């Protein structure tokens, strides 16, 4: 997860990035052409409260997916804030005809954000 690690001025628009990559794959069927990641759920909580106004923008490159969380919430108070991103994902077996859902997982990414003047 990538986010500002310096004090951010109050009222400034903030963007967070989450990077997901498939590091290895285990193909068990001759009908599978490859395996991909699928985002099932992504949410951002600040100080324990989910920010439901977050917009998620996805960028895909070979072997890497970037999820950018664009938050219009610019009313954070001065000081240190606790961030948590909840990422639920699945693997997708891409077959020659269609696809099947493979394994799934959940990750919690944590960090701190400082709002200054």
N, C-alpha and C. Protein backbone atom coordinates (compact mmCIF):
# COMPACT_ATOMS: atom_id res chain seq x y z
N UNK A 1 0.86 -1.17 0.00
CA UNK A 1 0.00 0.00 0.00
C UNK A 1 0.89 1.22 0.00
N UNK A 2 0.55 2.22 -0.79
CA UNK A 2 1.31 3.45 -0.90
C UNK A 2 0.43 4.62 -0.50
N UNK A 3 0.91 5.43 0.43
CA UNK A 3 0.17 6.60 0.88
C UNK A 3 1.19 7.61 1.40
N UNK A 4 0.80 8.88 1.57
CA UNK A 4 1.76 9.89 2.02
C UNK A 4 2.33 9.54 3.40
N UNK A 5 3.67 9.56 3.52
CA UNK A 5 4.29 9.29 4.82
C UNK A 5 4.85 10.57 5.43
N UNK A 6 4.36 11.69 4.96
CA UNK A 6 4.69 13.00 5.52
C UNK A 6 3.37 13.67 5.89
N UNK A 7 3.46 14.71 6.68
CA UNK A 7 2.24 15.43 7.07
C UNK A 7 1.59 16.04 5.83
N UNK A 8 0.30 15.81 5.70
CA UNK A 8 -0.48 16.31 4.57
C UNK A 8 -1.27 17.52 5.05
N UNK A 9 -1.27 18.63 4.27
CA UNK A 9 -2.04 19.80 4.69
C UNK A 9 -3.53 19.49 4.80
N UNK A 10 -4.18 20.08 5.78
CA UNK A 10 -5.62 19.89 5.97
C UNK A 10 -6.36 20.36 4.73
N UNK A 11 -7.39 19.62 4.32
CA UNK A 11 -8.20 19.97 3.17
C UNK A 11 -7.66 19.48 1.85
N UNK A 12 -6.48 18.89 1.85
CA UNK A 12 -5.88 18.40 0.60
C UNK A 12 -6.51 17.07 0.21
N UNK A 13 -6.75 16.89 -1.08
CA UNK A 13 -7.30 15.62 -1.58
C UNK A 13 -6.21 14.55 -1.44
N UNK A 14 -6.57 13.39 -0.95
CA UNK A 14 -5.62 12.32 -0.67
C UNK A 14 -5.94 11.10 -1.54
N UNK A 15 -4.90 10.46 -2.06
CA UNK A 15 -5.07 9.23 -2.82
C UNK A 15 -4.20 8.15 -2.19
N UNK A 16 -4.75 6.95 -2.10
CA UNK A 16 -4.03 5.79 -1.60
C UNK A 16 -3.95 4.78 -2.73
N UNK A 17 -2.85 4.05 -2.80
CA UNK A 17 -2.72 3.02 -3.84
C UNK A 17 -2.43 1.68 -3.18
N UNK A 18 -3.10 0.66 -3.67
CA UNK A 18 -2.88 -0.72 -3.24
C UNK A 18 -2.42 -1.49 -4.46
N UNK A 19 -1.30 -2.20 -4.32
CA UNK A 19 -0.73 -2.97 -5.42
C UNK A 19 -0.97 -4.45 -5.16
N UNK A 20 -1.43 -5.16 -6.18
CA UNK A 20 -1.66 -6.60 -6.06
C UNK A 20 -0.98 -7.30 -7.22
N UNK A 21 -0.24 -8.35 -6.91
CA UNK A 21 0.46 -9.09 -7.96
C UNK A 21 0.32 -10.58 -7.69
N UNK A 22 0.20 -11.35 -8.75
CA UNK A 22 0.17 -12.80 -8.67
C UNK A 22 1.62 -13.27 -8.76
N UNK A 23 2.15 -13.81 -7.66
CA UNK A 23 3.56 -14.17 -7.61
C UNK A 23 3.85 -15.54 -8.19
N UNK A 24 2.90 -16.43 -8.09
CA UNK A 24 3.09 -17.76 -8.67
C UNK A 24 1.72 -18.36 -8.99
N UNK A 25 1.74 -19.38 -9.81
CA UNK A 25 0.48 -20.05 -10.14
C UNK A 25 0.72 -21.55 -10.23
N UNK A 26 -0.32 -22.28 -9.92
CA UNK A 26 -0.25 -23.74 -9.99
C UNK A 26 -1.42 -24.20 -10.84
N UNK A 27 -1.15 -24.57 -12.07
CA UNK A 27 -2.19 -24.99 -13.00
C UNK A 27 -2.34 -26.51 -12.91
N UNK A 28 -3.57 -26.94 -12.59
CA UNK A 28 -3.82 -28.37 -12.38
C UNK A 28 -4.64 -29.01 -13.49
N UNK A 29 -5.06 -28.22 -14.46
CA UNK A 29 -5.91 -28.75 -15.52
C UNK A 29 -5.36 -28.35 -16.89
N UNK A 30 -5.43 -29.25 -17.87
CA UNK A 30 -4.97 -28.89 -19.22
C UNK A 30 -5.90 -27.90 -19.92
N UNK A 31 -7.06 -27.63 -19.33
CA UNK A 31 -8.01 -26.69 -19.92
C UNK A 31 -7.75 -25.25 -19.48
N UNK A 32 -6.86 -25.05 -18.53
CA UNK A 32 -6.57 -23.71 -18.00
C UNK A 32 -5.46 -23.06 -18.82
N UNK A 33 -5.75 -21.84 -19.31
CA UNK A 33 -4.75 -21.08 -20.07
C UNK A 33 -3.89 -20.23 -19.14
N UNK A 34 -4.44 -19.80 -18.02
CA UNK A 34 -3.70 -18.96 -17.09
C UNK A 34 -4.54 -18.64 -15.87
N UNK A 35 -3.94 -17.92 -14.94
CA UNK A 35 -4.62 -17.56 -13.70
C UNK A 35 -4.51 -16.05 -13.51
N UNK A 36 -5.59 -15.43 -13.03
CA UNK A 36 -5.63 -13.99 -12.82
C UNK A 36 -6.18 -13.69 -11.43
N UNK A 37 -6.00 -12.45 -10.98
CA UNK A 37 -6.58 -11.99 -9.72
C UNK A 37 -7.87 -11.23 -10.00
N UNK A 38 -8.81 -11.37 -9.09
CA UNK A 38 -10.06 -10.61 -9.19
C UNK A 38 -10.31 -9.92 -7.86
N UNK A 39 -10.61 -8.64 -7.90
CA UNK A 39 -10.96 -7.89 -6.70
C UNK A 39 -12.42 -8.14 -6.38
N UNK A 40 -12.68 -8.65 -5.18
CA UNK A 40 -14.06 -8.90 -4.77
C UNK A 40 -14.60 -7.76 -3.92
N UNK A 41 -13.73 -7.14 -3.11
CA UNK A 41 -14.17 -6.05 -2.24
C UNK A 41 -12.95 -5.24 -1.82
N UNK A 42 -13.12 -3.93 -1.76
CA UNK A 42 -12.05 -3.04 -1.32
C UNK A 42 -12.69 -1.89 -0.55
N UNK A 43 -12.22 -1.66 0.67
CA UNK A 43 -12.77 -0.56 1.46
C UNK A 43 -11.65 0.10 2.25
N UNK A 44 -11.87 1.36 2.58
CA UNK A 44 -10.92 2.15 3.36
C UNK A 44 -11.60 2.63 4.63
N UNK A 45 -10.94 2.40 5.75
CA UNK A 45 -11.42 2.92 7.03
C UNK A 45 -10.39 3.89 7.57
N UNK A 46 -10.87 5.00 8.09
CA UNK A 46 -10.01 5.99 8.72
C UNK A 46 -10.48 6.14 10.15
N UNK A 47 -9.59 5.87 11.09
CA UNK A 47 -9.90 5.91 12.52
C UNK A 47 -11.08 5.01 12.87
N UNK A 48 -11.17 3.85 12.22
CA UNK A 48 -12.19 2.87 12.54
C UNK A 48 -13.53 3.07 11.84
N UNK A 49 -13.67 4.15 11.08
CA UNK A 49 -14.94 4.40 10.39
C UNK A 49 -14.72 4.24 8.88
N UNK A 50 -15.56 3.42 8.24
CA UNK A 50 -15.42 3.21 6.81
C UNK A 50 -15.78 4.48 6.04
N UNK A 51 -14.94 4.84 5.09
CA UNK A 51 -15.18 5.99 4.23
C UNK A 51 -15.92 5.48 3.00
N UNK A 52 -17.24 5.60 3.00
CA UNK A 52 -18.07 5.07 1.91
C UNK A 52 -18.03 5.94 0.65
N UNK A 53 -17.42 7.11 0.73
CA UNK A 53 -17.36 7.99 -0.43
C UNK A 53 -16.13 7.75 -1.30
N UNK A 54 -15.33 6.73 -0.95
CA UNK A 54 -14.11 6.44 -1.70
C UNK A 54 -14.45 5.90 -3.08
N UNK A 55 -13.77 6.44 -4.09
CA UNK A 55 -13.90 5.95 -5.46
C UNK A 55 -12.69 5.09 -5.75
N UNK A 56 -12.90 3.89 -6.32
CA UNK A 56 -11.80 2.98 -6.64
C UNK A 56 -11.56 3.02 -8.14
N UNK A 57 -10.32 3.30 -8.52
CA UNK A 57 -9.90 3.31 -9.92
C UNK A 57 -8.89 2.20 -10.10
N UNK A 58 -9.09 1.33 -11.08
CA UNK A 58 -8.21 0.18 -11.31
C UNK A 58 -7.33 0.43 -12.52
N UNK A 59 -6.03 0.13 -12.36
CA UNK A 59 -5.08 0.19 -13.47
C UNK A 59 -4.42 -1.18 -13.56
N UNK A 60 -4.41 -1.77 -14.76
CA UNK A 60 -3.87 -3.10 -14.95
C UNK A 60 -2.66 -3.05 -15.86
N UNK A 61 -1.59 -3.72 -15.43
CA UNK A 61 -0.38 -3.90 -16.22
C UNK A 61 -0.08 -5.39 -16.21
N UNK A 62 0.87 -5.82 -17.00
CA UNK A 62 1.24 -7.23 -17.02
C UNK A 62 1.73 -7.66 -15.64
N UNK A 63 1.01 -8.55 -15.00
CA UNK A 63 1.42 -9.10 -13.72
C UNK A 63 1.20 -8.20 -12.52
N UNK A 64 0.61 -7.01 -12.69
CA UNK A 64 0.41 -6.08 -11.57
C UNK A 64 -0.89 -5.32 -11.76
N UNK A 65 -1.66 -5.25 -10.68
CA UNK A 65 -2.89 -4.46 -10.69
C UNK A 65 -2.75 -3.40 -9.60
N UNK A 66 -3.08 -2.16 -9.93
CA UNK A 66 -3.04 -1.07 -8.96
C UNK A 66 -4.47 -0.60 -8.73
N UNK A 67 -4.87 -0.53 -7.46
CA UNK A 67 -6.17 0.00 -7.07
C UNK A 67 -5.92 1.34 -6.40
N UNK A 68 -6.44 2.39 -6.98
CA UNK A 68 -6.26 3.72 -6.43
C UNK A 68 -7.54 4.12 -5.72
N UNK A 69 -7.44 4.43 -4.44
CA UNK A 69 -8.59 4.85 -3.66
C UNK A 69 -8.58 6.36 -3.61
N UNK A 70 -9.52 6.98 -4.27
CA UNK A 70 -9.60 8.43 -4.32
C UNK A 70 -10.67 8.86 -3.34
N UNK A 71 -10.25 9.55 -2.30
CA UNK A 71 -11.16 9.93 -1.24
C UNK A 71 -11.45 11.42 -1.27
N UNK A 72 -12.71 11.79 -1.46
CA UNK A 72 -13.06 13.21 -1.39
C UNK A 72 -13.15 13.73 0.04
N UNK A 73 -12.93 12.87 1.03
CA UNK A 73 -13.00 13.28 2.43
C UNK A 73 -11.81 14.17 2.75
N UNK A 74 -12.05 15.47 2.79
CA UNK A 74 -10.98 16.42 3.08
C UNK A 74 -11.19 17.10 4.43
N UNK A 75 -12.06 16.54 5.26
CA UNK A 75 -12.38 17.18 6.53
C UNK A 75 -11.73 16.49 7.72
N UNK A 76 -10.61 15.79 7.50
CA UNK A 76 -9.93 15.15 8.62
C UNK A 76 -9.31 16.21 9.52
N UNK A 77 -9.33 15.96 10.80
CA UNK A 77 -8.78 16.91 11.77
C UNK A 77 -7.26 16.81 11.81
N UNK A 78 -6.62 17.81 12.40
CA UNK A 78 -5.16 17.80 12.56
C UNK A 78 -4.75 16.63 13.44
N UNK A 79 -3.60 16.06 13.14
CA UNK A 79 -3.06 15.00 13.97
C UNK A 79 -2.89 13.70 13.22
N UNK A 80 -2.67 12.65 13.99
CA UNK A 80 -2.40 11.31 13.46
C UNK A 80 -3.71 10.55 13.28
N UNK A 81 -3.87 9.92 12.11
CA UNK A 81 -5.06 9.13 11.81
C UNK A 81 -4.63 7.72 11.42
N UNK A 82 -5.43 6.74 11.83
CA UNK A 82 -5.15 5.33 11.59
C UNK A 82 -5.92 4.87 10.34
N UNK A 83 -5.19 4.28 9.38
CA UNK A 83 -5.79 3.80 8.14
C UNK A 83 -5.86 2.29 8.13
N UNK A 84 -6.91 1.75 7.53
CA UNK A 84 -6.97 0.31 7.30
C UNK A 84 -7.71 0.08 5.98
N UNK A 85 -7.07 -0.71 5.12
CA UNK A 85 -7.68 -1.09 3.85
C UNK A 85 -8.03 -2.57 3.94
N UNK A 86 -9.25 -2.90 3.59
CA UNK A 86 -9.74 -4.28 3.58
C UNK A 86 -9.82 -4.69 2.11
N UNK A 87 -9.05 -5.72 1.75
CA UNK A 87 -8.96 -6.18 0.36
C UNK A 87 -9.35 -7.65 0.30
N UNK A 88 -10.44 -7.94 -0.38
CA UNK A 88 -10.88 -9.33 -0.58
C UNK A 88 -10.68 -9.66 -2.06
N UNK A 89 -10.08 -10.81 -2.33
CA UNK A 89 -9.74 -11.15 -3.71
C UNK A 89 -9.94 -12.64 -3.96
N UNK A 90 -9.99 -12.99 -5.24
CA UNK A 90 -10.08 -14.39 -5.66
C UNK A 90 -9.13 -14.61 -6.82
N UNK A 91 -8.72 -15.85 -6.99
CA UNK A 91 -7.99 -16.19 -8.20
C UNK A 91 -9.01 -16.72 -9.21
N UNK A 92 -8.74 -16.47 -10.47
CA UNK A 92 -9.62 -16.89 -11.54
C UNK A 92 -8.82 -17.79 -12.48
N UNK A 93 -9.30 -19.00 -12.69
CA UNK A 93 -8.69 -19.91 -13.66
C UNK A 93 -9.30 -19.59 -15.02
N UNK A 94 -8.48 -19.04 -15.91
CA UNK A 94 -8.96 -18.68 -17.24
C UNK A 94 -8.80 -19.91 -18.14
N UNK A 95 -9.94 -20.47 -18.52
CA UNK A 95 -9.95 -21.68 -19.34
C UNK A 95 -10.04 -21.31 -20.82
N UNK A 96 -9.90 -22.30 -21.66
CA UNK A 96 -10.07 -22.07 -23.09
C UNK A 96 -11.52 -21.71 -23.40
N UNK A 97 -12.45 -22.18 -22.57
CA UNK A 97 -13.86 -21.86 -22.72
C UNK A 97 -14.36 -21.39 -21.36
N UNK A 98 -14.39 -20.07 -21.14
CA UNK A 98 -14.89 -19.52 -19.90
C UNK A 98 -13.84 -19.49 -18.80
N UNK A 99 -14.32 -19.42 -17.55
CA UNK A 99 -13.42 -19.35 -16.41
C UNK A 99 -14.08 -19.98 -15.19
N UNK A 100 -13.27 -20.29 -14.19
CA UNK A 100 -13.77 -20.78 -12.91
C UNK A 100 -13.07 -20.01 -11.80
N UNK A 101 -13.76 -19.88 -10.69
CA UNK A 101 -13.18 -19.18 -9.53
C UNK A 101 -12.36 -20.17 -8.73
N UNK A 102 -11.13 -19.78 -8.42
CA UNK A 102 -10.24 -20.63 -7.64
C UNK A 102 -10.28 -20.26 -6.16
N UNK A 103 -9.13 -20.07 -5.58
CA UNK A 103 -9.04 -19.75 -4.15
C UNK A 103 -9.36 -18.27 -3.91
N UNK A 104 -9.64 -17.94 -2.66
CA UNK A 104 -9.93 -16.55 -2.29
C UNK A 104 -9.17 -16.21 -1.01
N UNK A 105 -9.05 -14.92 -0.75
CA UNK A 105 -8.34 -14.48 0.44
C UNK A 105 -8.74 -13.08 0.84
N UNK A 106 -8.34 -12.70 2.04
CA UNK A 106 -8.62 -11.37 2.57
C UNK A 106 -7.32 -10.82 3.15
N UNK A 107 -7.02 -9.58 2.85
CA UNK A 107 -5.86 -8.91 3.41
C UNK A 107 -6.30 -7.62 4.08
N UNK A 108 -5.67 -7.31 5.21
CA UNK A 108 -5.87 -6.04 5.89
C UNK A 108 -4.55 -5.30 5.86
N UNK A 109 -4.55 -4.13 5.24
CA UNK A 109 -3.35 -3.31 5.13
C UNK A 109 -3.52 -2.12 6.06
N UNK A 110 -2.49 -1.82 6.85
CA UNK A 110 -2.60 -0.78 7.87
C UNK A 110 -1.53 0.27 7.71
N UNK A 111 -1.84 1.48 8.13
CA UNK A 111 -0.88 2.57 8.08
C UNK A 111 -1.36 3.75 8.88
N UNK A 112 -0.56 4.80 8.93
CA UNK A 112 -0.90 6.02 9.64
C UNK A 112 -0.80 7.20 8.69
N UNK A 113 -1.65 8.19 8.89
CA UNK A 113 -1.67 9.39 8.09
C UNK A 113 -1.68 10.58 9.03
N UNK A 114 -0.78 11.52 8.80
CA UNK A 114 -0.72 12.72 9.64
C UNK A 114 -1.25 13.92 8.86
N UNK A 115 -2.19 14.63 9.46
CA UNK A 115 -2.74 15.85 8.87
C UNK A 115 -2.14 17.01 9.63
N UNK A 116 -1.50 17.90 8.90
CA UNK A 116 -0.85 19.08 9.52
C UNK A 116 -1.38 20.35 8.91
N UNK A 117 -0.72 21.44 9.25
CA UNK A 117 -1.17 22.75 8.71
C UNK A 117 -0.30 23.17 7.56
